[in-house]
Every structure is written in C-alpha cells, then in structure tokens.
Amino acid sequence: MKILYPLVAVVILFSVISCNKKAEKKEEEIKKTSEVVVPELKIKIDSSAIATFYQTYPKLEKFQNEVLALYKKKNSTQLWLDNKGIVEFANTLFDKYKRLDQEGLKANFPYNDKINPIFEHTSENKLSQIETDLMVTNLYFYYVQKVSGVDEKTTKSLEWLLPRKKVNYQVFSDSIYKKATINDDKKSKMFSQYYKLRDALHQYREIEKKGRWKTIEVREDFKSLKIGDSVGTVGQIRERLYITGDLKENSKSNICDSTLIASAKKFESHHGLTPKNTILPEHIAEMNIPVSDRIKTLIANMERCRWIDPELEKGKEYIEVNIPEFRLYLIRDGKIAFVSPVVVGKMMTQTVIFSGMMNNIVFSPYWNVPTSIINKEIKPGMAKNKNYLAQKNLEWNNGAVRQLPGKNNSLGLVKFLFPNSNNIYLHDTPAKSLFERENRAFSHGCVRVGKPRELAIELLKQDPSWTPERIDKAMHAGKENWVSLKKKIPVYIGYFTAWVDRDGNLNFYKDVYKRDESLIKLLTEE
C-alpha cells in the first residue's frame, strides 16, 4: 500500500493543474466577451479651429500657414494624441526642446506655461484636446525654426549674403505623422563646423561649471615673461594653458621654461596673435577673457553655422575667406591645398559676406579708381599738384580715372575676379608689410592676397599651358592680360570668430566688425 502513495499524489497534482487551466481558460473567455472595442481617437481640427487657436495665442501666428497645410494633409485630425493620451513622439519632441541649451539656444517657447503642463505630470493640463494638439504642433515648428537658425530676412539684415540652408518644412511635416526621428545628430544635416563648435561649447560650459577659469594676476609694471623667469603668474598661466589644451601636462612650476613658451605660442596662434618667444601683456589679456565671453562667442558662431548649406563644403574645389581670421584657403577634394594671409576691409568699408563664382584672372591689371576715391583723394590732390596723376601713375579714361599696370599699381600684379554687385574681388598689393600685422583690416572692401603668385599657379593648374614661368612673365608684362578659367571656382567670404580647424584645434579671432554682440542679443531676446 505504501508504494501507491506517490502515484495517488501525482494523480491528484495533475487533476489540480487541469482544473486550474480550465478555470483560467473560462476566465479569459468571459473577459473577452465582456471587453468593449474602443474606436480609434479622431479629433477634428479644421481651419476654423486653427483660426480660433491663433486668436487666443497670437505669438505663434507666424507658424499658421505651415500648421494649416499640415492638418489639411492629415485630413484635419489630431497629430499628437491617441486613446492613451500624448504619443511617445511628442514626448521626444518636448525632451529635445528642453535640451535646446545644449545647442546654444534658449528654450523660450512663447507659451511655456501652457506647453509644460502637457508633458510634466506634476501639473494639470487645462487645455482642450484641440488646443493641446495645436500647441504641440506649434512647439514642433518652433523647435524646427530654432535649430535651423534665424530666418533669411534677418540674416540679410545682418549683412550675411552667403547662400542660406533652406528649411524644408514639408520634410519636417512628413516626419510628424511618420513618427520619424527629430534628432539632428546625423552629420549630413548640418554644416560640419556646427558639431565641432557644439562639442567646444559643452567643454567650455564644463570649465565654467567647475570654476576653473581663474583670472591670471600680474603686476601693474608687468612687461614680459621669458625662459628662466620665476614668478607666481607662471603657475597661473600653466593652469590656463592646461585647461585650454595648449599644455599637455601641468607641472605647476612657477619657473618659465621652454615647454611653457611653446604652449603659449600655440595659444597665441589659435587666438589670432603672432607667436613670440616671450609672454607679453597682450597675451595675458587674451587669456583673461572670461570663459562666459568665450561661451557667447561659440554660441554666436554655432548660429552662423546654422545658416550655411552643408552642400557647400562638398564641392570639389572652392576658395573660402574668413574675415576675422585674415586668411584665405583653397580647398580641393576636401583638403587644404593652399593658404594665404589676406587684408580685408576696414570698419568703415567692410568686406561683404557673400559668395561668387571666380571666372577670370587678370595679369598686370589696370585699377579703375572708384568715384568715391576720385572725389575724396584724387581731385584734392590734383588741385594742389598739377603733376599728381603722372606721379601716381594715373590717367583719365573715358571720364574716369585708372591706374596703369605695374608694380606700384594698387591691385599689384594680378587680380582674381568673381562678378558680383558688391564690386569685391581678390588682388595683389604693393603694400606687403601689412601682411605682417595681427590686425589686417585696412582695405576699401576688396580682399588683398599675401601670396597672389602662388594662388594664380594653384588656380591655373587646370590649364597646363599656364606654367609658373608664363605666369611670372604675364604678371610683369606691364600690359593687361585677361585669362578665363577653364572651370569656374566658387568663392565664399564668411565671418567666423570661432572655428575648429582640421587638426581639431579651437581658434578664436577678434570680432573686427563688432558683429557678435548684436547676434547674441538677437538670440537671447526672443
């Protein structure tokens, strides 16, 4: 009998399991028959509802046309709500909006008091379903506008005439109801410099947060520091250069050595200063610019990057001039093929920020003197000296004045033309000493090139008949000679006071035309 006990136990166990399964199955059947099928949420949002919304929230009116088109395409139904409430894509949008500061932007949606309760569970949303959906849609277009930069009308008012990156609202609209990503981390979406400056912004904000940017203290009679000098200021300089990445290791020594001087030279070259073998007061002054000011500069230049069409840098060959840097680059196949210092327009005659297509090189050029210079300089000179024109190598030409070709011609021995309404071009100059200066804003608006012969050689590589020897002969012929390029070359004249170079070094340049402050004000006043 004892042997039967385990068998009975097994039979009982299987009976219990079987009963439980039958009970569960019956319970599921009852649950299914009692469930009510909830129809898909459909909220009508037509033109009338949209018009009423903008009467209540007029600060969003600029998005009305895009919003109308979007809802019409969606058959006038909601975009952000379903039976469970706010869709996940809306939460992603709100999270991106709240983190706009990481893009150097302020999250200042005009109706924050209305949008926050929709997503923050600590407060109750008082909006109707129609208002809620429309408010989120307007947040979306607000976010798109922010990350795309200020509008083209505004950039033109800031005298920025480079080709603008086009904002395709249709693409953004499609992404809403396709629940596509709104992340902007794909490098192809933005001008590549934007991402580099954004990384620098995060780095400098971390420095500011940790309070590491201490003022370097010097005595009033401070003249310079050289190798062998021992003073407390040296240790402070080491700390600053270590923070900026110009010094790899901080020995914390107060003795100035060759390592410190080499690091200071790196700092100077990355801040538009001429590297010296001594550390001078102007170098200390540059190091003492507050980190908060550096952050503002990064934010201003990130905004400028939003305006640049990323397709521009994909060109096979192009010339770029950065006005505050006083440098010209020839880019070929994505690499720097040639670099030259340049002189740009002074504050009263600023070089225009624009682009053009270079089509001609002119050797031994005439200089057609602008009417303003004729009136301000030449006519008064002629009134005082009857031989003024001959002494300046000038002549009348059909009622105008031009300077004859030659080494003393104001355009030098060669000019590079890209037709434009601003009458701006690149050219040589007899005033070579200006290229040795740190600040090179001296021209009437055109861009003077420090290495014009070398630039001509590079540009005419596309035509083997133009050898360096032939170019030299044409430059010194004393007779004007126009040469058409076989392939036009884009020229972009820009304005960036912060720039990460191809070696990964962050560079800051003087705001020669005082443009940063007004841009920062524009970005923060909305």
Protein backbone atom coordinates (compact mmCIF):
# COMPACT_ATOMS: atom_id res chain seq x y z
CA MET A 1 0.00 0.00 0.00
CA LYS A 2 2.83 2.38 0.76
CA ILE A 3 4.05 2.09 -2.81
CA LEU A 4 0.71 3.51 -4.08
CA TYR A 5 1.03 6.82 -2.13
CA PRO A 6 3.31 8.59 -4.64
CA LEU A 7 1.12 7.51 -7.54
CA VAL A 8 -2.00 8.90 -5.86
CA ALA A 9 -0.17 12.17 -5.18
CA VAL A 10 0.78 12.53 -8.84
CA VAL A 11 -2.81 11.89 -9.96
CA ILE A 12 -4.13 14.49 -7.55
CA LEU A 13 -1.49 17.05 -8.72
CA PHE A 14 -2.41 16.64 -12.40
CA SER A 15 -6.09 16.95 -11.53
CA VAL A 16 -5.47 20.25 -9.75
CA ILE A 17 -3.40 21.62 -12.66
CA SER A 18 -6.06 20.57 -15.15
CA CYS A 19 -8.79 22.27 -13.12
CA ASN A 20 -6.74 25.44 -12.83
CA LYS A 21 -6.15 25.58 -16.58
CA LYS A 22 -9.86 25.11 -17.29
CA ALA A 23 -10.68 27.88 -14.82
CA GLU A 24 -8.12 30.23 -16.42
CA LYS A 25 -9.42 29.46 -19.90
CA LYS A 26 -13.01 30.10 -18.81
CA GLU A 27 -11.94 33.35 -17.16
CA GLU A 28 -10.20 34.52 -20.36
CA GLU A 29 -13.32 33.69 -22.40
CA ILE A 30 -15.51 35.68 -20.03
CA LYS A 31 -13.02 38.61 -20.18
CA LYS A 32 -13.02 38.62 -23.97
CA THR A 33 -16.81 38.63 -24.22
CA SER A 34 -17.03 41.47 -21.70
CA GLU A 35 -14.40 43.72 -23.40
CA VAL A 36 -15.67 46.76 -25.30
CA VAL A 37 -13.78 47.66 -28.51
CA VAL A 38 -12.72 51.34 -28.21
CA PRO A 39 -12.76 53.14 -31.57
CA GLU A 40 -9.66 54.97 -32.75
CA LEU A 41 -9.45 58.53 -31.39
CA LYS A 42 -10.38 61.10 -34.02
CA ILE A 43 -10.41 64.79 -33.14
CA LYS A 44 -11.47 67.18 -35.88
CA ILE A 45 -9.05 70.09 -36.22
CA ASP A 46 -10.12 72.17 -39.21
CA SER A 47 -9.28 75.67 -40.42
CA SER A 48 -11.92 77.18 -38.16
CA ALA A 49 -10.41 75.56 -35.05
CA ILE A 50 -6.93 76.63 -36.14
CA ALA A 51 -8.04 80.25 -36.69
CA THR A 52 -9.62 80.32 -33.22
CA PHE A 53 -6.39 78.94 -31.72
CA TYR A 54 -4.27 81.76 -33.19
CA GLN A 55 -6.70 84.37 -31.98
CA THR A 56 -6.08 83.05 -28.48
CA TYR A 57 -2.33 82.55 -28.94
CA PRO A 58 -1.20 85.30 -31.36
CA LYS A 59 2.52 84.96 -30.56
CA LEU A 60 2.52 81.75 -32.61
CA GLU A 61 0.83 83.23 -35.65
CA LYS A 62 3.96 83.01 -37.82
CA PHE A 63 3.51 79.22 -37.95
CA GLN A 64 -0.14 79.37 -39.07
CA ASN A 65 0.40 78.62 -42.78
CA GLU A 66 2.58 75.57 -42.09
CA VAL A 67 0.14 74.31 -39.45
CA LEU A 68 -2.87 74.72 -41.77
CA ALA A 69 -1.13 72.81 -44.55
CA LEU A 70 -0.08 70.05 -42.19
CA TYR A 71 -3.55 69.38 -40.73
CA LYS A 72 -5.12 69.54 -44.17
CA LYS A 73 -2.72 66.83 -45.32
CA LYS A 74 -3.65 64.77 -42.23
CA ASN A 75 -7.39 65.03 -43.06
CA SER A 76 -7.94 67.59 -40.28
CA THR A 77 -7.34 65.13 -37.46
CA GLN A 78 -5.04 65.27 -34.45
CA LEU A 79 -1.32 64.54 -34.68
CA TRP A 80 -0.12 64.06 -31.12
CA LEU A 81 -2.96 62.34 -29.22
CA ASP A 82 -4.39 58.83 -29.13
CA ASN A 83 -6.64 56.89 -26.75
CA LYS A 84 -3.81 56.60 -24.22
CA GLY A 85 -3.00 60.32 -24.26
CA ILE A 86 0.14 62.01 -25.61
CA VAL A 87 2.04 59.84 -28.13
CA GLU A 88 5.68 58.98 -27.44
CA PHE A 89 6.91 61.05 -30.38
CA ALA A 90 5.53 64.16 -28.66
CA ASN A 91 7.49 63.35 -25.51
CA THR A 92 10.63 63.00 -27.62
CA LEU A 93 9.97 66.44 -29.10
CA PHE A 94 9.47 68.02 -25.67
CA ASP A 95 12.67 66.42 -24.40
CA LYS A 96 14.60 67.85 -27.38
CA TYR A 97 13.03 71.24 -26.75
CA LYS A 98 14.02 71.23 -23.08
CA ARG A 99 17.60 70.44 -24.08
CA LEU A 100 17.96 73.29 -26.57
CA ASP A 101 20.57 74.83 -24.28
CA GLN A 102 22.94 72.07 -25.40
CA GLU A 103 22.64 73.58 -28.88
CA GLY A 104 23.48 77.03 -27.55
CA LEU A 105 19.83 78.12 -27.67
CA LYS A 106 17.27 79.18 -25.11
CA ALA A 107 14.10 77.10 -24.65
CA ASN A 108 11.75 80.09 -24.52
CA PHE A 109 8.58 78.97 -26.28
CA PRO A 110 6.11 81.92 -26.06
CA TYR A 111 3.57 79.86 -24.08
CA ASN A 112 5.74 77.80 -21.75
CA ASP A 113 3.02 77.98 -19.11
CA LYS A 114 0.72 76.12 -21.50
CA ILE A 115 3.13 73.62 -23.02
CA ASN A 116 4.84 72.44 -19.82
CA PRO A 117 1.68 71.03 -18.13
CA ILE A 118 1.02 68.86 -21.20
CA PHE A 119 4.18 66.87 -20.50
CA GLU A 120 5.02 67.46 -16.84
CA HIS A 121 2.83 65.20 -14.73
CA THR A 122 3.25 67.43 -11.68
CA SER A 123 0.84 69.98 -13.16
CA GLU A 124 -2.55 69.59 -14.80
CA ASN A 125 -3.14 70.43 -18.45
CA LYS A 126 -6.05 72.89 -18.66
CA LEU A 127 -6.15 72.94 -22.48
CA SER A 128 -8.81 71.21 -24.54
CA GLN A 129 -7.75 68.28 -26.73
CA ILE A 130 -7.82 70.52 -29.82
CA GLU A 131 -5.72 73.21 -28.12
CA THR A 132 -3.33 70.57 -26.76
CA ASP A 133 -2.69 69.08 -30.19
CA LEU A 134 -2.26 72.50 -31.81
CA MET A 135 0.05 73.69 -29.03
CA VAL A 136 2.35 70.69 -29.54
CA THR A 137 2.31 71.23 -33.32
CA ASN A 138 3.39 74.83 -32.80
CA LEU A 139 6.11 73.67 -30.42
CA TYR A 140 7.34 71.42 -33.19
CA PHE A 141 7.62 74.24 -35.73
CA TYR A 142 9.16 76.48 -33.08
CA TYR A 143 11.82 73.81 -32.44
CA VAL A 144 12.48 73.38 -36.17
CA GLN A 145 12.91 77.12 -36.59
CA LYS A 146 15.26 77.33 -33.63
CA VAL A 147 17.61 74.58 -34.77
CA SER A 148 17.52 75.91 -38.35
CA GLY A 149 18.66 79.41 -37.32
CA VAL A 150 17.07 82.82 -37.64
CA ASP A 151 15.18 83.44 -40.88
CA GLU A 152 16.80 84.60 -44.13
CA LYS A 153 15.27 88.08 -43.88
CA THR A 154 17.05 88.55 -40.55
CA THR A 155 20.40 87.25 -41.79
CA LYS A 156 20.23 89.63 -44.74
CA SER A 157 19.60 92.48 -42.31
CA LEU A 158 22.81 91.31 -40.58
CA GLU A 159 24.54 91.68 -43.99
CA TRP A 160 25.08 87.93 -44.33
CA LEU A 161 24.68 87.20 -48.04
CA LEU A 162 26.13 83.71 -48.29
CA PRO A 163 23.76 81.03 -49.67
CA ARG A 164 21.35 80.01 -46.89
CA LYS A 165 20.50 76.49 -45.87
CA LYS A 166 16.87 76.03 -46.94
CA VAL A 167 14.39 74.92 -44.28
CA ASN A 168 12.09 72.35 -45.88
CA TYR A 169 9.00 72.42 -43.67
CA GLN A 170 7.45 69.71 -45.85
CA VAL A 171 10.14 67.25 -44.80
CA PHE A 172 9.65 68.16 -41.15
CA SER A 173 5.88 67.93 -41.53
CA ASP A 174 6.12 64.44 -43.00
CA SER A 175 8.26 63.31 -40.09
CA ILE A 176 5.47 64.14 -37.62
CA TYR A 177 2.92 61.61 -38.75
CA LYS A 178 5.52 59.12 -39.88
CA LYS A 179 6.95 59.32 -36.36
CA ALA A 180 10.41 59.83 -37.88
CA THR A 181 13.37 60.96 -35.86
CA ILE A 182 13.83 64.60 -34.95
CA ASN A 183 17.41 64.10 -33.84
CA ASP A 184 19.94 66.30 -35.61
CA ASP A 185 22.98 64.14 -34.92
CA LYS A 186 23.38 62.93 -38.48
CA LYS A 187 26.36 64.93 -39.64
CA SER A 188 24.97 65.45 -43.13
CA LYS A 189 22.13 67.58 -41.79
CA MET A 190 24.30 70.48 -40.68
CA PHE A 191 27.43 72.29 -41.75
CA SER A 192 30.18 70.12 -40.19
CA GLN A 193 31.69 73.02 -38.24
CA TYR A 194 28.48 73.24 -36.20
CA TYR A 195 29.10 69.91 -34.47
CA LYS A 196 32.71 70.81 -33.70
CA LEU A 197 31.69 74.11 -32.11
CA ARG A 198 28.92 72.35 -30.18
CA ASP A 199 31.50 69.98 -28.66
CA ALA A 200 33.62 73.01 -27.71
CA LEU A 201 30.58 74.67 -26.14
CA HIS A 202 29.97 71.66 -23.89
CA GLN A 203 33.66 71.65 -22.93
CA TYR A 204 33.74 75.35 -22.04
CA ARG A 205 30.49 75.13 -20.09
CA GLU A 206 32.01 72.31 -18.05
CA ILE A 207 35.06 74.50 -17.36
CA GLU A 208 32.75 77.31 -16.26
CA LYS A 209 30.71 74.96 -14.08
CA LYS A 210 33.83 73.74 -12.25
CA GLY A 211 35.09 77.31 -11.75
CA ARG A 212 38.49 76.54 -13.20
CA TRP A 213 38.85 79.74 -15.27
CA LYS A 214 40.71 81.91 -12.76
CA THR A 215 41.96 85.41 -13.63
CA ILE A 216 45.72 85.49 -14.21
CA GLU A 217 47.15 88.17 -11.94
CA VAL A 218 50.09 90.34 -12.99
CA ARG A 219 51.76 93.39 -11.50
CA GLU A 220 50.97 96.81 -12.95
CA ASP A 221 54.55 97.15 -14.21
CA PHE A 222 54.49 93.73 -15.94
CA LYS A 223 56.42 93.81 -19.22
CA SER A 224 57.05 90.21 -20.28
CA LEU A 225 57.98 86.69 -19.23
CA LYS A 226 60.89 84.78 -20.72
CA ILE A 227 62.59 81.45 -20.12
CA GLY A 228 64.13 81.39 -16.63
CA ASP A 229 61.78 83.93 -15.03
CA SER A 230 60.28 82.78 -11.74
CA VAL A 231 57.03 84.33 -10.52
CA GLY A 232 53.62 83.15 -9.30
CA THR A 233 52.00 84.31 -12.55
CA VAL A 234 53.79 81.48 -14.38
CA GLY A 235 51.86 78.84 -12.43
CA GLN A 236 48.58 80.59 -13.25
CA ILE A 237 49.48 80.66 -16.95
CA ARG A 238 50.31 76.96 -16.84
CA GLU A 239 46.88 76.21 -15.39
CA ARG A 240 45.13 78.26 -18.08
CA LEU A 241 47.08 76.66 -20.95
CA TYR A 242 46.42 73.24 -19.48
CA ILE A 243 42.66 73.94 -19.37
CA THR A 244 42.59 75.18 -22.98
CA GLY A 245 44.55 72.12 -24.12
CA ASP A 246 47.62 74.04 -25.28
CA LEU A 247 49.69 72.46 -22.47
CA LYS A 248 49.52 68.65 -22.22
CA GLU A 249 50.81 68.29 -18.64
CA ASN A 250 50.73 70.81 -15.80
CA SER A 251 53.92 70.62 -13.73
CA LYS A 252 52.58 73.54 -11.61
CA SER A 253 56.08 75.02 -11.65
CA ASN A 254 56.44 78.79 -11.22
CA ILE A 255 59.56 78.82 -13.40
CA CYS A 256 59.07 79.80 -17.04
CA ASP A 257 60.62 77.10 -19.25
CA SER A 258 60.72 76.19 -22.94
CA THR A 259 57.67 73.93 -22.58
CA LEU A 260 55.58 76.83 -21.28
CA ILE A 261 56.78 79.19 -24.04
CA ALA A 262 55.98 76.56 -26.71
CA SER A 263 52.49 76.11 -25.26
CA ALA A 264 51.98 79.87 -25.10
CA LYS A 265 52.91 80.07 -28.78
CA LYS A 266 50.21 77.50 -29.58
CA PHE A 267 47.71 79.58 -27.64
CA GLU A 268 48.76 82.73 -29.47
CA SER A 269 48.48 81.13 -32.91
CA HIS A 270 44.99 79.86 -32.01
CA HIS A 271 43.85 83.33 -30.95
CA GLY A 272 44.94 85.41 -33.94
CA LEU A 273 48.18 86.54 -32.31
CA THR A 274 51.71 86.36 -33.69
CA PRO A 275 53.64 83.72 -31.68
CA LYS A 276 56.51 85.22 -29.69
CA ASN A 277 59.40 83.85 -27.62
CA THR A 278 58.15 85.86 -24.66
CA ILE A 279 54.75 86.14 -22.96
CA LEU A 280 53.53 89.72 -23.28
CA PRO A 281 50.74 91.74 -21.59
CA GLU A 282 48.50 91.34 -24.68
CA HIS A 283 48.86 87.56 -24.39
CA ILE A 284 47.79 87.67 -20.73
CA ALA A 285 44.86 89.93 -21.68
CA GLU A 286 43.72 87.35 -24.24
CA MET A 287 43.97 84.56 -21.66
CA ASN A 288 41.94 86.66 -19.21
CA ILE A 289 38.91 87.00 -21.46
CA PRO A 290 36.17 85.46 -19.25
CA VAL A 291 35.02 81.94 -20.07
CA SER A 292 31.46 83.30 -20.20
CA ASP A 293 32.50 85.54 -23.11
CA ARG A 294 34.11 82.59 -24.89
CA ILE A 295 30.85 80.68 -24.49
CA LYS A 296 28.90 83.57 -26.06
CA THR A 297 31.33 83.58 -28.99
CA LEU A 298 30.82 79.86 -29.52
CA ILE A 299 27.03 80.30 -29.43
CA ALA A 300 27.15 83.14 -31.97
CA ASN A 301 29.23 81.09 -34.38
CA MET A 302 27.08 77.99 -33.96
CA GLU A 303 24.18 80.16 -35.11
CA ARG A 304 26.16 81.25 -38.18
CA CYS A 305 26.79 77.59 -38.95
CA ARG A 306 23.02 77.00 -38.99
CA TRP A 307 22.80 79.37 -41.94
CA ILE A 308 25.37 77.51 -44.06
CA ASP A 309 24.15 74.95 -46.56
CA PRO A 310 26.17 71.77 -45.79
CA GLU A 311 26.32 71.08 -49.54
CA LEU A 312 28.80 73.95 -49.93
CA GLU A 313 31.64 72.04 -48.29
CA LYS A 314 31.07 69.04 -50.56
CA GLY A 315 32.39 70.98 -53.57
CA LYS A 316 35.41 69.52 -55.34
CA GLU A 317 37.26 72.86 -55.33
CA TYR A 318 36.46 76.20 -53.73
CA ILE A 319 38.00 79.22 -52.02
CA GLU A 320 36.99 80.34 -48.54
CA VAL A 321 37.98 83.58 -46.82
CA ASN A 322 37.34 84.06 -43.11
CA ILE A 323 37.36 87.80 -42.46
CA PRO A 324 38.24 87.80 -38.71
CA GLU A 325 40.98 85.23 -39.32
CA PHE A 326 42.51 87.31 -42.15
CA ARG A 327 43.15 84.13 -44.12
CA LEU A 328 42.25 82.57 -47.45
CA TYR A 329 42.03 78.82 -48.05
CA LEU A 330 41.85 76.92 -51.32
CA ILE A 331 40.06 73.64 -50.64
CA ARG A 332 40.48 70.82 -53.12
CA ASP A 333 38.95 67.35 -52.68
CA GLY A 334 38.13 68.16 -49.08
CA LYS A 335 41.71 69.10 -48.16
CA ILE A 336 43.54 72.39 -47.80
CA ALA A 337 45.57 72.86 -50.98
CA PHE A 338 46.74 76.42 -50.33
CA VAL A 339 46.69 79.05 -47.56
CA SER A 340 47.44 82.77 -47.72
CA PRO A 341 47.16 85.70 -45.33
CA VAL A 342 44.78 88.41 -46.54
CA VAL A 343 43.96 92.04 -45.83
CA VAL A 344 40.23 92.80 -45.60
CA GLY A 345 38.10 95.93 -45.46
CA LYS A 346 38.42 98.31 -42.53
CA MET A 347 35.49 99.05 -40.22
CA MET A 348 34.20 101.93 -42.39
CA THR A 349 34.50 99.91 -45.63
CA GLN A 350 33.73 96.36 -44.50
CA THR A 351 34.30 93.40 -46.79
CA VAL A 352 30.90 91.97 -47.71
CA ILE A 353 29.92 88.48 -46.51
CA PHE A 354 28.82 86.79 -49.74
CA SER A 355 29.76 84.28 -52.44
CA GLY A 356 30.55 84.31 -56.14
CA MET A 357 31.99 82.24 -58.97
CA MET A 358 35.57 83.08 -59.96
CA ASN A 359 35.88 83.07 -63.73
CA ASN A 360 38.87 85.28 -64.65
CA ILE A 361 42.42 86.05 -63.59
CA VAL A 362 43.79 89.38 -64.80
CA PHE A 363 47.56 89.80 -65.01
CA SER A 364 49.14 93.28 -64.96
CA PRO A 365 45.72 94.85 -64.30
CA TYR A 366 44.57 98.43 -64.56
CA TRP A 367 42.95 99.77 -61.43
CA ASN A 368 39.74 101.62 -62.17
CA VAL A 369 39.59 104.12 -59.34
CA PRO A 370 36.19 104.27 -57.57
CA THR A 371 34.30 107.56 -57.80
CA SER A 372 34.43 107.98 -54.02
CA ILE A 373 38.24 107.88 -54.05
CA ILE A 374 38.37 110.25 -57.04
CA ASN A 375 36.30 112.80 -55.13
CA LYS A 376 37.94 112.35 -51.73
CA GLU A 377 41.58 111.89 -52.71
CA ILE A 378 42.42 112.43 -56.38
CA LYS A 379 40.64 115.69 -57.13
CA PRO A 380 42.00 117.40 -53.96
CA GLY A 381 45.45 116.04 -54.90
CA MET A 382 45.17 117.44 -58.44
CA ALA A 383 44.11 120.81 -57.06
CA LYS A 384 47.34 121.00 -55.07
CA ASN A 385 49.68 119.41 -57.63
CA LYS A 386 49.22 119.62 -61.42
CA ASN A 387 51.52 116.57 -61.86
CA TYR A 388 49.53 114.49 -59.35
CA LEU A 389 48.16 112.00 -61.93
CA ALA A 390 51.54 111.33 -63.57
CA GLN A 391 53.30 110.91 -60.21
CA LYS A 392 50.68 108.37 -59.12
CA ASN A 393 50.83 106.55 -62.48
CA LEU A 394 47.19 107.54 -63.15
CA GLU A 395 45.40 108.54 -66.32
CA TRP A 396 41.95 109.73 -67.40
CA ASN A 397 39.95 107.09 -69.23
CA ASN A 398 36.55 107.97 -70.70
CA GLY A 399 35.72 110.39 -67.94
CA ALA A 400 37.07 108.12 -65.19
CA VAL A 401 40.49 107.62 -63.67
CA ARG A 402 42.55 104.46 -63.82
CA GLN A 403 46.00 103.47 -62.62
CA LEU A 404 48.38 101.98 -65.18
CA PRO A 405 49.71 98.41 -64.77
CA GLY A 406 52.94 97.98 -62.86
CA LYS A 407 54.47 97.01 -59.53
CA ASN A 408 53.10 100.14 -57.84
CA ASN A 409 49.55 99.59 -59.05
CA SER A 410 47.13 99.41 -56.10
CA LEU A 411 45.96 95.99 -57.33
CA GLY A 412 49.52 94.76 -57.61
CA LEU A 413 50.42 92.41 -60.44
CA VAL A 414 47.30 90.22 -60.57
CA LYS A 415 43.63 90.22 -59.63
CA PHE A 416 41.06 87.44 -59.37
CA LEU A 417 37.52 88.21 -60.50
CA PHE A 418 34.18 86.68 -59.45
CA PRO A 419 31.47 89.03 -60.80
CA ASN A 420 29.22 90.49 -58.12
CA SER A 421 27.16 93.59 -57.42
CA ASN A 422 29.41 94.50 -54.48
CA ASN A 423 32.42 95.05 -56.77
CA ILE A 424 34.56 92.86 -54.48
CA TYR A 425 37.47 90.80 -55.78
CA LEU A 426 40.80 89.31 -54.70
CA HIS A 427 44.02 91.02 -55.70
CA ASP A 428 47.72 91.54 -55.14
CA THR A 429 49.04 94.70 -53.45
CA PRO A 430 52.31 96.63 -53.30
CA ALA A 431 51.76 97.19 -49.55
CA LYS A 432 53.33 93.90 -48.46
CA SER A 433 54.18 94.99 -44.91
CA LEU A 434 50.50 94.91 -43.87
CA PHE A 435 50.52 91.12 -44.04
CA GLU A 436 52.90 91.02 -41.07
CA ARG A 437 50.35 92.69 -38.79
CA GLU A 438 47.97 90.82 -36.49
CA ASN A 439 45.00 93.02 -37.38
CA ARG A 440 44.74 93.22 -41.16
CA ALA A 441 41.59 95.26 -41.74
CA PHE A 442 42.90 98.08 -43.97
CA SER A 443 41.34 97.83 -47.44
CA HIS A 444 38.44 99.68 -49.05
CA GLY A 445 36.48 96.38 -49.11
CA CYS A 446 38.33 94.13 -51.54
CA VAL A 447 40.49 91.25 -50.31
CA ARG A 448 44.23 91.65 -50.75
CA VAL A 449 46.09 88.34 -51.05
CA GLY A 450 49.50 87.86 -49.42
CA LYS A 451 50.57 85.11 -51.87
CA PRO A 452 48.97 86.11 -55.19
CA ARG A 453 51.53 84.44 -57.45
CA GLU A 454 51.15 81.11 -55.66
CA LEU A 455 47.35 81.41 -55.79
CA ALA A 456 47.47 82.02 -59.55
CA ILE A 457 49.69 78.96 -60.01
CA GLU A 458 47.27 76.80 -58.00
CA LEU A 459 44.18 78.03 -59.85
CA LEU A 460 45.75 77.59 -63.29
CA LYS A 461 46.81 74.00 -62.64
CA GLN A 462 43.66 73.15 -64.56
CA ASP A 463 45.37 74.64 -67.66
CA PRO A 464 48.85 73.07 -68.20
CA SER A 465 49.76 75.78 -70.72
CA TRP A 466 49.99 78.25 -67.83
CA THR A 467 53.32 77.28 -66.29
CA PRO A 468 54.81 79.22 -63.35
CA GLU A 469 57.27 80.82 -65.79
CA ARG A 470 54.46 82.02 -68.05
CA ILE A 471 52.56 83.36 -65.04
CA ASP A 472 55.62 85.31 -63.86
CA LYS A 473 56.05 86.82 -67.33
CA ALA A 474 52.39 87.85 -67.50
CA MET A 475 52.50 89.42 -64.05
CA HIS A 476 55.43 91.64 -65.03
CA ALA A 477 54.47 92.36 -68.64
CA GLY A 478 53.09 95.83 -67.89
CA LYS A 479 50.20 95.03 -70.21
CA GLU A 480 46.78 93.89 -69.00
CA ASN A 481 46.04 90.24 -69.86
CA TRP A 482 42.72 88.52 -69.09
CA VAL A 483 42.71 84.73 -68.62
CA SER A 484 39.46 82.74 -68.39
CA LEU A 485 39.46 79.79 -66.02
CA LYS A 486 38.51 76.53 -67.70
CA LYS A 487 36.26 75.78 -64.75
CA LYS A 488 34.68 78.43 -62.52
CA ILE A 489 35.60 78.21 -58.83
CA PRO A 490 33.20 79.11 -56.00
CA VAL A 491 34.41 81.79 -53.60
CA TYR A 492 32.87 82.08 -50.11
CA ILE A 493 33.66 85.06 -47.93
CA GLY A 494 32.47 84.36 -44.38
CA TYR A 495 32.68 85.73 -40.87
CA PHE A 496 33.55 83.35 -38.02
CA THR A 497 35.14 84.48 -34.75
CA ALA A 498 35.40 80.87 -33.50
CA TRP A 499 36.48 77.97 -35.67
CA VAL A 500 37.75 74.42 -35.10
CA ASP A 501 40.48 73.69 -37.63
CA ARG A 502 41.17 70.40 -39.39
CA ASP A 503 43.61 69.40 -36.64
CA GLY A 504 40.87 69.74 -34.04
CA ASN A 505 42.21 72.96 -32.53
CA LEU A 506 39.68 75.56 -31.36
CA ASN A 507 40.55 79.04 -32.63
CA PHE A 508 39.17 82.41 -31.51
CA TYR A 509 39.55 85.59 -33.57
CA LYS A 510 38.92 89.27 -32.86
CA ASP A 511 35.43 90.45 -33.74
CA VAL A 512 36.81 93.05 -36.17
CA TYR A 513 33.40 94.29 -37.33
CA LYS A 514 31.71 94.04 -33.88
CA ARG A 515 29.06 91.60 -35.10
CA ASP A 516 28.97 89.04 -32.27
CA GLU A 517 27.25 91.19 -29.66
CA SER A 518 24.25 92.06 -31.83
CA LEU A 519 23.85 88.40 -32.83
CA ILE A 520 23.96 87.20 -29.22
CA LYS A 521 21.36 89.82 -28.33
CA LEU A 522 19.14 88.61 -31.16
CA LEU A 523 19.40 85.00 -29.98
CA THR A 524 18.57 85.80 -26.36
CA GLU A 525 15.87 88.46 -26.66
CA GLU A 526 13.14 86.21 -28.10
